[in-house]
Amino acid sequence: MNATPARLDPHDAATLDRLTVLGREVREAIPHVEVFPAPADVEIVRFTTDELASMCPVTNQPDLSRVVIEYRPGEWCVESKSLKLYLWGFRDRAVFAEALTAEIAREIMDTARPLSVTVTLTQKPRGGIEVEAVARLGSR
């Protein structure tokens, strides 16, 4: 993703042309989400998936999680296909649930620059223990 919000003008029609994955066949994970100008009057955007895969950094066993990403847009919204491809990148990464939660929240905050973002990750039980981690950034 060559374009970041700092270089994009949400009022410029060419902004949408800078989206690199929407409408294209992509067969690999991407390192960052992409954004588009936020429409007026949208107060909250929420993404939910129960298909987030990562690996345990100790055992290298797969960890499956549900993640809810909720943010209050500023000038930008996260493009959903790019989010899917960004999350796909964790499937072969060894990372603790808490660190993964914080990393996703930071990506949304750094790229989309919302007023606030909350990421709630619930890791499916292994060994009978379910892990839930919450990261909140921005004004509440």
C-alpha atoms as a PDB file:
ATOM      1  CA  MET A   1       0.000   0.000   0.000  1.00  0.00           C
ATOM      2  CA  ASN A   2       1.916   2.932  -1.301  1.00  0.00           C
ATOM      3  CA  ALA A   3      -0.678   5.486  -0.274  1.00  0.00           C
ATOM      4  CA  THR A   4      -1.343   6.368   3.341  1.00  0.00           C
ATOM      5  CA  PRO A   5      -3.927   8.759   4.735  1.00  0.00           C
ATOM      6  CA  ALA A   6      -1.244  11.429   5.083  1.00  0.00           C
ATOM      7  CA  ARG A   7      -0.907  11.468   1.281  1.00  0.00           C
ATOM      8  CA  LEU A   8      -4.559  10.934   0.395  1.00  0.00           C
ATOM      9  CA  ASP A   9      -7.120  13.690   0.137  1.00  0.00           C
ATOM     10  CA  PRO A  10     -10.565  12.330   1.013  1.00  0.00           C
ATOM     11  CA  HIS A  11     -12.119  14.935  -1.290  1.00  0.00           C
ATOM     12  CA  ASP A  12     -10.006  13.925  -4.299  1.00  0.00           C
ATOM     13  CA  ALA A  13     -11.731  11.500  -6.715  1.00  0.00           C
ATOM     14  CA  ALA A  14      -8.352   9.905  -7.477  1.00  0.00           C
ATOM     15  CA  THR A  15      -8.217   8.644  -3.874  1.00  0.00           C
ATOM     16  CA  LEU A  16     -10.308   5.580  -4.752  1.00  0.00           C
ATOM     17  CA  ASP A  17      -7.959   4.802  -7.629  1.00  0.00           C
ATOM     18  CA  ARG A  18      -5.192   4.322  -5.077  1.00  0.00           C
ATOM     19  CA  LEU A  19      -6.857   1.276  -3.530  1.00  0.00           C
ATOM     20  CA  THR A  20      -4.646  -1.630  -4.576  1.00  0.00           C
ATOM     21  CA  VAL A  21      -6.713  -4.706  -3.646  1.00  0.00           C
ATOM     22  CA  LEU A  22     -10.363  -3.793  -4.158  1.00  0.00           C
ATOM     23  CA  GLY A  23     -11.624  -5.270  -7.417  1.00  0.00           C
ATOM     24  CA  ARG A  24      -8.409  -7.191  -8.002  1.00  0.00           C
ATOM     25  CA  GLU A  25      -7.461 -10.819  -7.529  1.00  0.00           C
ATOM     26  CA  VAL A  26      -5.080 -11.039  -4.588  1.00  0.00           C
ATOM     27  CA  ARG A  27      -3.700 -14.388  -3.446  1.00  0.00           C
ATOM     28  CA  GLU A  28      -1.504 -13.331  -0.558  1.00  0.00           C
ATOM     29  CA  ALA A  29      -1.689 -11.434   2.684  1.00  0.00           C
ATOM     30  CA  ILE A  30      -0.950  -7.713   2.707  1.00  0.00           C
ATOM     31  CA  PRO A  31       0.986  -5.797   5.388  1.00  0.00           C
ATOM     32  CA  HIS A  32      -1.478  -2.920   5.940  1.00  0.00           C
ATOM     33  CA  VAL A  33      -5.148  -2.107   5.558  1.00  0.00           C
ATOM     34  CA  GLU A  34      -6.302   0.365   2.958  1.00  0.00           C
ATOM     35  CA  VAL A  35      -8.659   3.273   3.495  1.00  0.00           C
ATOM     36  CA  PHE A  36     -11.240   5.316   1.637  1.00  0.00           C
ATOM     37  CA  PRO A  37     -12.964   8.604   2.515  1.00  0.00           C
ATOM     38  CA  ALA A  38     -15.486   8.206   5.330  1.00  0.00           C
ATOM     39  CA  PRO A  39     -19.040   9.058   4.337  1.00  0.00           C
ATOM     40  CA  ALA A  40     -20.780  11.758   6.330  1.00  0.00           C
ATOM     41  CA  ASP A  41     -22.885  10.737   9.308  1.00  0.00           C
ATOM     42  CA  VAL A  42     -21.277   7.332   9.929  1.00  0.00           C
ATOM     43  CA  GLU A  43     -20.659   7.181  13.673  1.00  0.00           C
ATOM     44  CA  ILE A  44     -19.401   3.633  14.203  1.00  0.00           C
ATOM     45  CA  VAL A  45     -17.991   0.922  11.954  1.00  0.00           C
ATOM     46  CA  ARG A  46     -17.757  -2.645  13.237  1.00  0.00           C
ATOM     47  CA  PHE A  47     -16.057  -5.635  11.623  1.00  0.00           C
ATOM     48  CA  THR A  48     -16.492  -9.126  13.063  1.00  0.00           C
ATOM     49  CA  THR A  49     -14.896 -12.406  12.062  1.00  0.00           C
ATOM     50  CA  ASP A  50     -14.451 -15.746  13.756  1.00  0.00           C
ATOM     51  CA  GLU A  51     -11.851 -16.860  11.224  1.00  0.00           C
ATOM     52  CA  LEU A  52      -8.690 -15.208  12.550  1.00  0.00           C
ATOM     53  CA  ALA A  53      -5.866 -17.742  12.644  1.00  0.00           C
ATOM     54  CA  SER A  54      -2.443 -17.367  14.237  1.00  0.00           C
ATOM     55  CA  MET A  55       0.049 -19.657  15.945  1.00  0.00           C
ATOM     56  CA  CYS A  56       0.977 -20.128  19.573  1.00  0.00           C
ATOM     57  CA  PRO A  57       4.482 -18.702  20.030  1.00  0.00           C
ATOM     58  CA  VAL A  58       5.379 -21.482  22.472  1.00  0.00           C
ATOM     59  CA  THR A  59       3.961 -24.631  20.858  1.00  0.00           C
ATOM     60  CA  ASN A  60       3.432 -23.484  17.250  1.00  0.00           C
ATOM     61  CA  GLN A  61      -0.050 -24.984  17.451  1.00  0.00           C
ATOM     62  CA  PRO A  62      -2.774 -23.092  15.601  1.00  0.00           C
ATOM     63  CA  ASP A  63      -4.822 -20.556  17.531  1.00  0.00           C
ATOM     64  CA  LEU A  64      -8.270 -19.657  16.215  1.00  0.00           C
ATOM     65  CA  SER A  65      -9.911 -16.451  17.338  1.00  0.00           C
ATOM     66  CA  ARG A  66     -12.950 -14.260  16.956  1.00  0.00           C
ATOM     67  CA  VAL A  67     -12.117 -10.595  16.530  1.00  0.00           C
ATOM     68  CA  VAL A  68     -14.379  -7.567  16.692  1.00  0.00           C
ATOM     69  CA  ILE A  69     -12.930  -4.293  15.431  1.00  0.00           C
ATOM     70  CA  GLU A  70     -15.029  -1.239  16.215  1.00  0.00           C
ATOM     71  CA  TYR A  71     -13.971   2.295  15.386  1.00  0.00           C
ATOM     72  CA  ARG A  72     -15.330   5.823  15.162  1.00  0.00           C
ATOM     73  CA  PRO A  73     -14.203   7.138  11.769  1.00  0.00           C
ATOM     74  CA  GLY A  74     -12.500  10.459  11.305  1.00  0.00           C
ATOM     75  CA  GLU A  75     -11.890  11.220   7.629  1.00  0.00           C
ATOM     76  CA  TRP A  76     -11.179   7.585   6.677  1.00  0.00           C
ATOM     77  CA  CYS A  77     -12.837   4.175   6.701  1.00  0.00           C
ATOM     78  CA  VAL A  78     -11.079   0.822   6.470  1.00  0.00           C
ATOM     79  CA  GLU A  79     -11.700  -1.037   3.231  1.00  0.00           C
ATOM     80  CA  SER A  80     -12.988  -4.497   4.220  1.00  0.00           C
ATOM     81  CA  LYS A  81     -11.211  -6.631   1.606  1.00  0.00           C
ATOM     82  CA  SER A  82      -7.882  -5.137   2.631  1.00  0.00           C
ATOM     83  CA  LEU A  83      -8.732  -5.888   6.268  1.00  0.00           C
ATOM     84  CA  LYS A  84      -9.420  -9.529   5.384  1.00  0.00           C
ATOM     85  CA  LEU A  85      -6.082  -9.790   3.570  1.00  0.00           C
ATOM     86  CA  TYR A  86      -4.268  -8.021   6.424  1.00  0.00           C
ATOM     87  CA  LEU A  87      -5.728 -10.435   8.999  1.00  0.00           C
ATOM     88  CA  TRP A  88      -4.812 -13.354   6.734  1.00  0.00           C
ATOM     89  CA  GLY A  89      -1.171 -12.461   7.324  1.00  0.00           C
ATOM     90  CA  PHE A  90      -1.348 -13.696  10.907  1.00  0.00           C
ATOM     91  CA  ARG A  91      -2.095 -17.316   9.961  1.00  0.00           C
ATOM     92  CA  ASP A  92       1.586 -18.292   9.997  1.00  0.00           C
ATOM     93  CA  ARG A  93       2.700 -15.864  12.689  1.00  0.00           C
ATOM     94  CA  ALA A  94       3.550 -16.936  16.209  1.00  0.00           C
ATOM     95  CA  VAL A  95       1.984 -14.301  18.455  1.00  0.00           C
ATOM     96  CA  PHE A  96       0.252 -14.150  21.833  1.00  0.00           C
ATOM     97  CA  ALA A  97      -3.434 -13.147  21.744  1.00  0.00           C
ATOM     98  CA  GLU A  98      -2.766  -9.989  23.749  1.00  0.00           C
ATOM     99  CA  ALA A  99      -0.005  -8.811  21.393  1.00  0.00           C
ATOM    100  CA  LEU A 100      -2.128  -9.632  18.351  1.00  0.00           C
ATOM    101  CA  THR A 101      -4.993  -7.553  19.731  1.00  0.00           C
ATOM    102  CA  ALA A 102      -2.735  -4.555  20.307  1.00  0.00           C
ATOM    103  CA  GLU A 103      -1.128  -4.893  16.865  1.00  0.00           C
ATOM    104  CA  ILE A 104      -4.477  -4.891  15.060  1.00  0.00           C
ATOM    105  CA  ALA A 105      -5.674  -1.852  17.038  1.00  0.00           C
ATOM    106  CA  ARG A 106      -2.453   0.013  16.261  1.00  0.00           C
ATOM    107  CA  GLU A 107      -2.758  -0.800  12.530  1.00  0.00           C
ATOM    108  CA  ILE A 108      -6.286   0.618  12.412  1.00  0.00           C
ATOM    109  CA  MET A 109      -5.268   3.707  14.391  1.00  0.00           C
ATOM    110  CA  ASP A 110      -2.116   4.379  12.366  1.00  0.00           C
ATOM    111  CA  THR A 111      -3.673   3.815   8.945  1.00  0.00           C
ATOM    112  CA  ALA A 112      -7.285   4.976   9.215  1.00  0.00           C
ATOM    113  CA  ARG A 113      -6.696   7.514  11.992  1.00  0.00           C
ATOM    114  CA  PRO A 114     -10.121   7.091  13.578  1.00  0.00           C
ATOM    115  CA  LEU A 115     -11.275   9.061  16.590  1.00  0.00           C
ATOM    116  CA  SER A 116     -11.082   5.795  18.531  1.00  0.00           C
ATOM    117  CA  VAL A 117     -10.739   2.076  17.967  1.00  0.00           C
ATOM    118  CA  THR A 118     -11.526  -0.929  20.144  1.00  0.00           C
ATOM    119  CA  VAL A 119     -10.354  -4.406  19.196  1.00  0.00           C
ATOM    120  CA  THR A 120     -11.709  -7.382  21.129  1.00  0.00           C
ATOM    121  CA  LEU A 121     -10.087 -10.713  20.397  1.00  0.00           C
ATOM    122  CA  THR A 122     -11.451 -13.933  21.851  1.00  0.00           C
ATOM    123  CA  GLN A 123      -9.167 -16.903  21.378  1.00  0.00           C
ATOM    124  CA  LYS A 124     -10.977 -20.223  21.204  1.00  0.00           C
ATOM    125  CA  PRO A 125     -10.227 -22.484  24.154  1.00  0.00           C
ATOM    126  CA  ARG A 126      -7.178 -24.689  24.189  1.00  0.00           C
ATOM    127  CA  GLY A 127      -6.563 -26.618  27.343  1.00  0.00           C
ATOM    128  CA  GLY A 128      -9.972 -25.466  28.546  1.00  0.00           C
ATOM    129  CA  ILE A 129      -9.012 -21.765  28.761  1.00  0.00           C
ATOM    130  CA  GLU A 130     -10.518 -19.049  26.611  1.00  0.00           C
ATOM    131  CA  VAL A 131      -8.519 -15.825  26.301  1.00  0.00           C
ATOM    132  CA  GLU A 132     -10.150 -12.449  25.676  1.00  0.00           C
ATOM    133  CA  ALA A 133      -8.014  -9.366  25.119  1.00  0.00           C
ATOM    134  CA  VAL A 134      -9.228  -5.821  24.514  1.00  0.00           C
ATOM    135  CA  ALA A 135      -7.182  -2.926  23.121  1.00  0.00           C
ATOM    136  CA  ARG A 136      -8.590   0.632  23.082  1.00  0.00           C
ATOM    137  CA  LEU A 137      -6.859   3.566  21.417  1.00  0.00           C
ATOM    138  CA  GLY A 138      -7.944   7.162  20.906  1.00  0.00           C
ATOM    139  CA  SER A 139     -10.587   9.222  22.655  1.00  0.00           C
ATOM    140  CA  ARG A 140     -13.376   7.297  24.294  1.00  0.00           C
END
